[in-house]
Structures are given as C-alpha cells and as structure tokens.
N, C-alpha and C. Protein backbone atom coordinates (compact mmCIF):
# COMPACT_ATOMS: atom_id res chain seq x y z
N GLY A 1 -29.15 1.00 11.20
CA GLY A 1 -28.14 0.26 11.94
C GLY A 1 -26.79 0.92 11.79
N THR A 2 -25.84 0.38 12.52
CA THR A 2 -24.48 0.89 12.53
C THR A 2 -23.65 0.24 11.45
N THR A 3 -22.88 1.01 10.74
CA THR A 3 -21.95 0.48 9.75
C THR A 3 -20.64 0.09 10.44
N VAL A 4 -20.15 0.95 11.32
CA VAL A 4 -18.86 0.74 11.97
C VAL A 4 -19.10 0.35 13.43
N ALA A 5 -18.66 -0.85 13.80
CA ALA A 5 -18.82 -1.31 15.18
C ALA A 5 -17.44 -1.43 15.83
N VAL A 6 -17.32 -0.91 17.04
CA VAL A 6 -16.05 -0.97 17.78
C VAL A 6 -16.25 -1.77 19.06
N ASP A 7 -15.39 -2.76 19.28
CA ASP A 7 -15.39 -3.53 20.53
C ASP A 7 -14.53 -2.76 21.53
N TRP A 8 -15.19 -2.05 22.44
CA TRP A 8 -14.48 -1.17 23.38
C TRP A 8 -13.51 -1.93 24.26
N ASP A 9 -13.82 -3.19 24.59
CA ASP A 9 -12.92 -3.97 25.45
C ASP A 9 -11.63 -4.34 24.73
N SER A 10 -11.68 -4.49 23.40
CA SER A 10 -10.49 -4.87 22.64
C SER A 10 -9.67 -3.67 22.19
N CYS A 11 -10.28 -2.49 22.10
CA CYS A 11 -9.58 -1.29 21.63
C CYS A 11 -8.45 -0.91 22.59
N ILE A 12 -7.25 -0.70 22.03
CA ILE A 12 -6.10 -0.30 22.85
C ILE A 12 -5.68 1.15 22.57
N ALA A 13 -6.51 1.89 21.86
CA ALA A 13 -6.26 3.31 21.56
C ALA A 13 -4.96 3.52 20.79
N ALA A 14 -4.68 2.64 19.83
CA ALA A 14 -3.46 2.76 19.03
C ALA A 14 -3.53 3.93 18.06
N GLY A 15 -4.73 4.30 17.64
CA GLY A 15 -4.89 5.43 16.72
C GLY A 15 -4.76 5.05 15.25
N SER A 16 -4.55 3.78 14.96
CA SER A 16 -4.39 3.34 13.57
C SER A 16 -5.61 3.66 12.73
N CYS A 17 -6.79 3.45 13.29
CA CYS A 17 -8.03 3.71 12.54
C CYS A 17 -8.14 5.18 12.16
N MET A 18 -7.72 6.06 13.06
CA MET A 18 -7.78 7.49 12.78
C MET A 18 -6.83 7.87 11.65
N SER A 19 -5.63 7.29 11.66
CA SER A 19 -4.64 7.70 10.67
C SER A 19 -4.93 7.13 9.29
N VAL A 20 -5.63 6.00 9.21
CA VAL A 20 -5.85 5.36 7.91
C VAL A 20 -7.18 5.74 7.26
N CYS A 21 -8.11 6.26 8.02
CA CYS A 21 -9.45 6.54 7.48
C CYS A 21 -9.43 7.74 6.52
N PRO A 22 -9.87 7.53 5.27
CA PRO A 22 -9.82 8.63 4.30
C PRO A 22 -10.85 9.75 4.56
N VAL A 23 -11.86 9.48 5.38
CA VAL A 23 -12.88 10.50 5.64
C VAL A 23 -12.98 10.87 7.13
N GLN A 24 -11.98 10.49 7.90
CA GLN A 24 -11.90 10.84 9.33
C GLN A 24 -13.15 10.44 10.11
N THR A 25 -13.56 9.19 9.92
CA THR A 25 -14.73 8.67 10.64
C THR A 25 -14.47 8.63 12.14
N PHE A 26 -13.24 8.28 12.53
CA PHE A 26 -12.90 8.10 13.94
C PHE A 26 -12.27 9.34 14.52
N GLN A 27 -12.67 9.67 15.76
CA GLN A 27 -12.03 10.77 16.47
C GLN A 27 -12.00 10.45 17.95
N TRP A 28 -10.97 10.95 18.60
CA TRP A 28 -10.88 10.92 20.05
C TRP A 28 -10.74 12.35 20.51
N TYR A 29 -11.21 12.63 21.71
CA TYR A 29 -10.94 13.92 22.33
C TYR A 29 -10.41 13.67 23.72
N ARG A 30 -9.28 14.29 24.03
CA ARG A 30 -8.76 14.21 25.39
C ARG A 30 -9.71 15.02 26.26
N THR A 31 -10.15 14.44 27.35
CA THR A 31 -11.08 15.16 28.20
C THR A 31 -10.39 16.22 29.06
N GLU A 32 -9.10 16.02 29.33
CA GLU A 32 -8.40 16.95 30.22
C GLU A 32 -8.41 18.38 29.68
N GLN A 33 -8.04 18.58 28.41
CA GLN A 33 -8.04 19.92 27.83
C GLN A 33 -8.84 19.95 26.54
N ASP A 34 -9.56 18.87 26.24
CA ASP A 34 -10.39 18.76 25.04
C ASP A 34 -9.60 19.02 23.76
N ILE A 35 -8.38 18.47 23.70
CA ILE A 35 -7.53 18.62 22.52
C ILE A 35 -7.90 17.51 21.54
N PRO A 36 -8.22 17.85 20.29
CA PRO A 36 -8.51 16.79 19.33
C PRO A 36 -7.31 15.85 19.19
N ALA A 37 -7.55 14.56 19.26
CA ALA A 37 -6.47 13.58 19.21
C ALA A 37 -5.66 13.69 17.93
N LYS A 38 -6.30 14.07 16.82
CA LYS A 38 -5.57 14.18 15.55
C LYS A 38 -4.45 15.23 15.66
N ASP A 39 -4.56 16.16 16.58
CA ASP A 39 -3.53 17.18 16.76
C ASP A 39 -2.35 16.70 17.59
N VAL A 40 -2.48 15.54 18.23
CA VAL A 40 -1.40 15.05 19.08
C VAL A 40 -0.85 13.69 18.65
N VAL A 41 -1.32 13.15 17.52
CA VAL A 41 -0.83 11.86 17.06
C VAL A 41 0.68 11.95 16.81
N GLY A 42 1.42 11.02 17.40
CA GLY A 42 2.87 10.97 17.22
C GLY A 42 3.66 11.91 18.11
N LYS A 43 3.01 12.66 18.97
CA LYS A 43 3.69 13.63 19.83
C LYS A 43 4.03 13.01 21.19
N VAL A 44 5.00 13.59 21.87
CA VAL A 44 5.30 13.23 23.25
C VAL A 44 4.99 14.46 24.08
N PHE A 45 4.25 14.27 25.16
CA PHE A 45 3.83 15.40 25.96
C PHE A 45 4.96 15.92 26.84
N GLU A 46 5.17 17.23 26.76
CA GLU A 46 6.24 17.89 27.48
C GLU A 46 6.12 17.67 28.99
N GLY A 47 7.21 17.32 29.60
CA GLY A 47 7.22 17.16 31.05
C GLY A 47 6.84 15.77 31.52
N THR A 48 6.00 15.07 30.77
CA THR A 48 5.57 13.74 31.21
C THR A 48 6.31 12.63 30.48
N GLY A 49 6.75 12.92 29.25
CA GLY A 49 7.39 11.90 28.44
C GLY A 49 6.42 10.87 27.91
N LYS A 50 5.13 11.10 28.15
CA LYS A 50 4.11 10.16 27.69
C LYS A 50 3.81 10.40 26.22
N THR A 51 3.53 9.32 25.52
CA THR A 51 3.12 9.45 24.12
C THR A 51 1.64 9.77 24.08
N GLU A 52 1.17 10.15 22.90
CA GLU A 52 -0.25 10.43 22.76
C GLU A 52 -1.10 9.20 23.05
N GLN A 53 -0.59 8.00 22.74
CA GLN A 53 -1.37 6.79 23.02
C GLN A 53 -1.54 6.61 24.53
N ASP A 54 -0.46 6.83 25.30
CA ASP A 54 -0.57 6.75 26.76
C ASP A 54 -1.58 7.76 27.29
N GLU A 55 -1.52 8.97 26.76
CA GLU A 55 -2.44 10.01 27.20
C GLU A 55 -3.89 9.64 26.90
N ARG A 56 -4.13 9.06 25.70
CA ARG A 56 -5.49 8.68 25.36
C ARG A 56 -6.00 7.59 26.28
N LEU A 57 -5.15 6.64 26.61
CA LEU A 57 -5.58 5.56 27.50
C LEU A 57 -5.91 6.10 28.88
N ASP A 58 -5.21 7.16 29.29
CA ASP A 58 -5.45 7.74 30.61
C ASP A 58 -6.62 8.72 30.65
N HIS A 59 -6.82 9.48 29.60
CA HIS A 59 -7.71 10.64 29.69
C HIS A 59 -8.84 10.70 28.68
N THR A 60 -9.10 9.64 27.92
CA THR A 60 -10.14 9.80 26.91
C THR A 60 -11.05 8.60 26.83
N ASP A 61 -12.14 8.82 26.14
CA ASP A 61 -12.94 7.72 25.67
C ASP A 61 -12.15 7.10 24.53
N LYS A 62 -12.51 5.88 24.18
CA LYS A 62 -11.81 5.24 23.08
C LYS A 62 -12.42 5.68 21.76
N SER A 63 -11.93 5.10 20.70
CA SER A 63 -12.31 5.50 19.35
C SER A 63 -13.81 5.60 19.17
N GLN A 64 -14.26 6.74 18.74
CA GLN A 64 -15.68 6.96 18.48
C GLN A 64 -15.88 7.18 16.99
N PRO A 65 -16.64 6.31 16.33
CA PRO A 65 -16.90 6.54 14.90
C PRO A 65 -17.97 7.62 14.73
N ILE A 66 -17.62 8.84 15.12
CA ILE A 66 -18.62 9.91 15.19
C ILE A 66 -19.08 10.40 13.83
N ARG A 67 -18.31 10.08 12.79
CA ARG A 67 -18.71 10.50 11.44
C ARG A 67 -18.98 9.27 10.58
N GLU A 68 -19.61 8.25 11.16
CA GLU A 68 -19.79 7.02 10.40
C GLU A 68 -20.70 7.20 9.20
N HIS A 69 -21.51 8.27 9.17
CA HIS A 69 -22.32 8.54 7.99
C HIS A 69 -21.45 8.87 6.78
N ASP A 70 -20.18 9.25 7.02
CA ASP A 70 -19.26 9.53 5.91
C ASP A 70 -18.45 8.30 5.51
N CYS A 71 -18.60 7.20 6.23
CA CYS A 71 -17.82 5.98 5.98
C CYS A 71 -18.00 5.52 4.53
N THR A 72 -16.88 5.24 3.87
CA THR A 72 -16.92 4.77 2.48
C THR A 72 -16.83 3.25 2.39
N VAL A 73 -16.80 2.57 3.52
CA VAL A 73 -16.72 1.12 3.62
C VAL A 73 -15.49 0.60 2.87
N CYS A 74 -14.36 1.33 3.01
CA CYS A 74 -13.13 0.91 2.35
C CYS A 74 -12.44 -0.23 3.09
N MET A 75 -12.87 -0.47 4.34
CA MET A 75 -12.37 -1.56 5.18
C MET A 75 -10.96 -1.32 5.74
N ALA A 76 -10.36 -0.17 5.48
CA ALA A 76 -9.00 0.10 5.94
C ALA A 76 -8.89 0.04 7.46
N CYS A 77 -9.87 0.58 8.17
CA CYS A 77 -9.82 0.59 9.64
C CYS A 77 -9.87 -0.83 10.19
N GLN A 78 -10.73 -1.64 9.62
CA GLN A 78 -10.87 -3.02 10.08
C GLN A 78 -9.58 -3.79 9.81
N GLU A 79 -8.96 -3.55 8.67
CA GLU A 79 -7.74 -4.27 8.31
C GLU A 79 -6.54 -3.84 9.15
N ILE A 80 -6.45 -2.56 9.53
CA ILE A 80 -5.26 -2.06 10.22
C ILE A 80 -5.33 -2.20 11.75
N CYS A 81 -6.51 -2.36 12.30
CA CYS A 81 -6.65 -2.41 13.76
C CYS A 81 -5.83 -3.57 14.33
N PRO A 82 -4.87 -3.28 15.22
CA PRO A 82 -3.99 -4.33 15.72
C PRO A 82 -4.68 -5.39 16.58
N THR A 83 -5.83 -5.07 17.13
CA THR A 83 -6.52 -6.04 17.98
C THR A 83 -7.80 -6.57 17.35
N GLY A 84 -8.13 -6.11 16.15
CA GLY A 84 -9.36 -6.55 15.49
C GLY A 84 -10.61 -6.02 16.17
N ALA A 85 -10.50 -4.85 16.79
CA ALA A 85 -11.62 -4.28 17.55
C ALA A 85 -12.69 -3.64 16.65
N ILE A 86 -12.38 -3.43 15.38
CA ILE A 86 -13.32 -2.75 14.48
C ILE A 86 -13.90 -3.74 13.49
N ARG A 87 -15.21 -3.67 13.33
CA ARG A 87 -15.90 -4.53 12.36
C ARG A 87 -16.88 -3.68 11.56
N ILE A 88 -16.87 -3.89 10.27
CA ILE A 88 -17.89 -3.30 9.41
C ILE A 88 -19.00 -4.34 9.33
N GLU A 89 -20.19 -3.98 9.76
CA GLU A 89 -21.28 -4.95 9.82
C GLU A 89 -21.71 -5.36 8.42
N GLN A 90 -21.79 -6.65 8.19
CA GLN A 90 -22.04 -7.22 6.88
C GLN A 90 -23.36 -6.77 6.26
N ALA A 91 -24.42 -6.70 7.02
CA ALA A 91 -25.72 -6.30 6.48
C ALA A 91 -25.63 -4.91 5.86
N ASN A 92 -24.97 -4.01 6.55
CA ASN A 92 -24.84 -2.66 6.04
C ASN A 92 -23.86 -2.58 4.88
N LEU A 93 -22.84 -3.44 4.90
CA LEU A 93 -21.90 -3.49 3.79
C LEU A 93 -22.62 -3.91 2.51
N GLU A 94 -23.46 -4.94 2.62
CA GLU A 94 -24.22 -5.40 1.45
C GLU A 94 -25.15 -4.31 0.95
N TRP A 95 -25.81 -3.59 1.85
CA TRP A 95 -26.69 -2.50 1.45
C TRP A 95 -25.89 -1.41 0.73
N HIS A 96 -24.73 -1.08 1.31
CA HIS A 96 -23.88 -0.02 0.75
C HIS A 96 -23.42 -0.40 -0.66
N GLU A 97 -22.98 -1.66 -0.83
CA GLU A 97 -22.52 -2.11 -2.14
C GLU A 97 -23.66 -2.08 -3.15
N LYS A 98 -24.84 -2.46 -2.72
CA LYS A 98 -26.01 -2.43 -3.62
C LYS A 98 -26.32 -0.99 -4.02
N ALA A 99 -26.28 -0.07 -3.06
CA ALA A 99 -26.55 1.34 -3.35
C ALA A 99 -25.49 1.90 -4.29
N ALA A 100 -24.23 1.54 -4.08
CA ALA A 100 -23.15 2.01 -4.96
C ALA A 100 -23.35 1.47 -6.36
N GLY A 101 -23.74 0.20 -6.48
CA GLY A 101 -23.99 -0.41 -7.79
C GLY A 101 -25.13 0.28 -8.51
N THR A 102 -26.17 0.63 -7.77
CA THR A 102 -27.31 1.34 -8.35
C THR A 102 -26.88 2.71 -8.85
N PHE A 103 -26.05 3.39 -8.08
CA PHE A 103 -25.54 4.70 -8.47
C PHE A 103 -24.76 4.60 -9.78
N VAL A 104 -23.88 3.61 -9.88
CA VAL A 104 -23.07 3.43 -11.08
C VAL A 104 -23.96 3.14 -12.29
N LYS A 105 -24.98 2.30 -12.10
CA LYS A 105 -25.91 1.99 -13.20
C LYS A 105 -26.66 3.24 -13.64
N MET A 106 -27.13 4.02 -12.67
CA MET A 106 -27.93 5.21 -12.99
C MET A 106 -27.11 6.29 -13.68
N THR A 107 -25.85 6.44 -13.29
CA THR A 107 -25.04 7.53 -13.83
C THR A 107 -24.13 7.08 -14.96
N GLY A 108 -24.04 5.77 -15.16
CA GLY A 108 -23.18 5.27 -16.23
C GLY A 108 -21.72 5.19 -15.84
N GLY A 109 -21.42 5.28 -14.57
CA GLY A 109 -20.03 5.13 -14.12
C GLY A 109 -19.71 6.12 -13.04
N GLY A 110 -18.45 6.19 -12.73
CA GLY A 110 -17.99 7.12 -11.72
C GLY A 110 -17.93 6.50 -10.35
N ASN A 111 -17.27 7.17 -9.47
CA ASN A 111 -17.08 6.70 -8.11
C ASN A 111 -18.22 7.23 -7.24
N PRO A 112 -19.06 6.34 -6.71
CA PRO A 112 -20.17 6.81 -5.88
C PRO A 112 -19.73 7.44 -4.57
N HIS A 113 -18.46 7.27 -4.21
CA HIS A 113 -17.95 7.78 -2.94
C HIS A 113 -17.17 9.08 -3.10
N ALA A 114 -16.99 9.52 -4.34
CA ALA A 114 -16.20 10.73 -4.57
C ALA A 114 -16.91 11.95 -4.00
N HIS A 115 -16.14 12.80 -3.35
CA HIS A 115 -16.68 14.05 -2.81
C HIS A 115 -16.22 15.18 -3.71
N ASP A 116 -17.14 16.03 -4.08
CA ASP A 116 -16.77 17.19 -4.92
C ASP A 116 -16.18 18.29 -4.11
C-alpha cells in the first residue's frame, strides 16, 4: 500500500512538502522545459514575473511522492501542507512504527531511519 497519499483536488502546489521533507520524497517537474521544481523554488521567472508556484500550477503535475519508499514517516509534510492535502495512511504508519521498534530491539538502539 501507499504510505503517502495526496489529495490532488486539494493540492495548491505551494511546495511546502518539498521544502520540509528530509528525504525529498516529493518532486515536481515542469513539463515545459522539464526543469526540476527544486531548482526554481522561490524564484521569479524572467520576463513573466510569475513565481515558481504560478508556473507549477500552469505547467506541471502536482506533487508526486515519487520517492515514498524513502519516507521516514516524520509527518512534516502532513503538518505543513496549507490545505491538508497530504495524509500518511495509518495502517502503514503502524507497520512502519512496528518495524522501527523491531529494529531498535534487534540492534539495541540507534535510529532505524539513519542513512549512512
């Protein structure tokens, strides 16, 4: 099942989920020139005066959790989303917490989400 669920109708392409995610689960790509959205966050496009959010609403798909297998279930995206469009599914959260607990028991401690 899916860990990260996005309500496409509620998403306003604010980019908050992209900026807060510690493992870059979310990405957008502008279809016009295929520029990664992370490269244009906070920019104003020359000649148009449009912000990156305006450009994403005009030229892209909305937030895609394309790296959800890397999700650490920190809940930051769900908490920061201005419209509440992101939900971490409870069944998977419970599984993830159980797996993390098992890891801690087996290893005697440590962060199960730490990347070397």
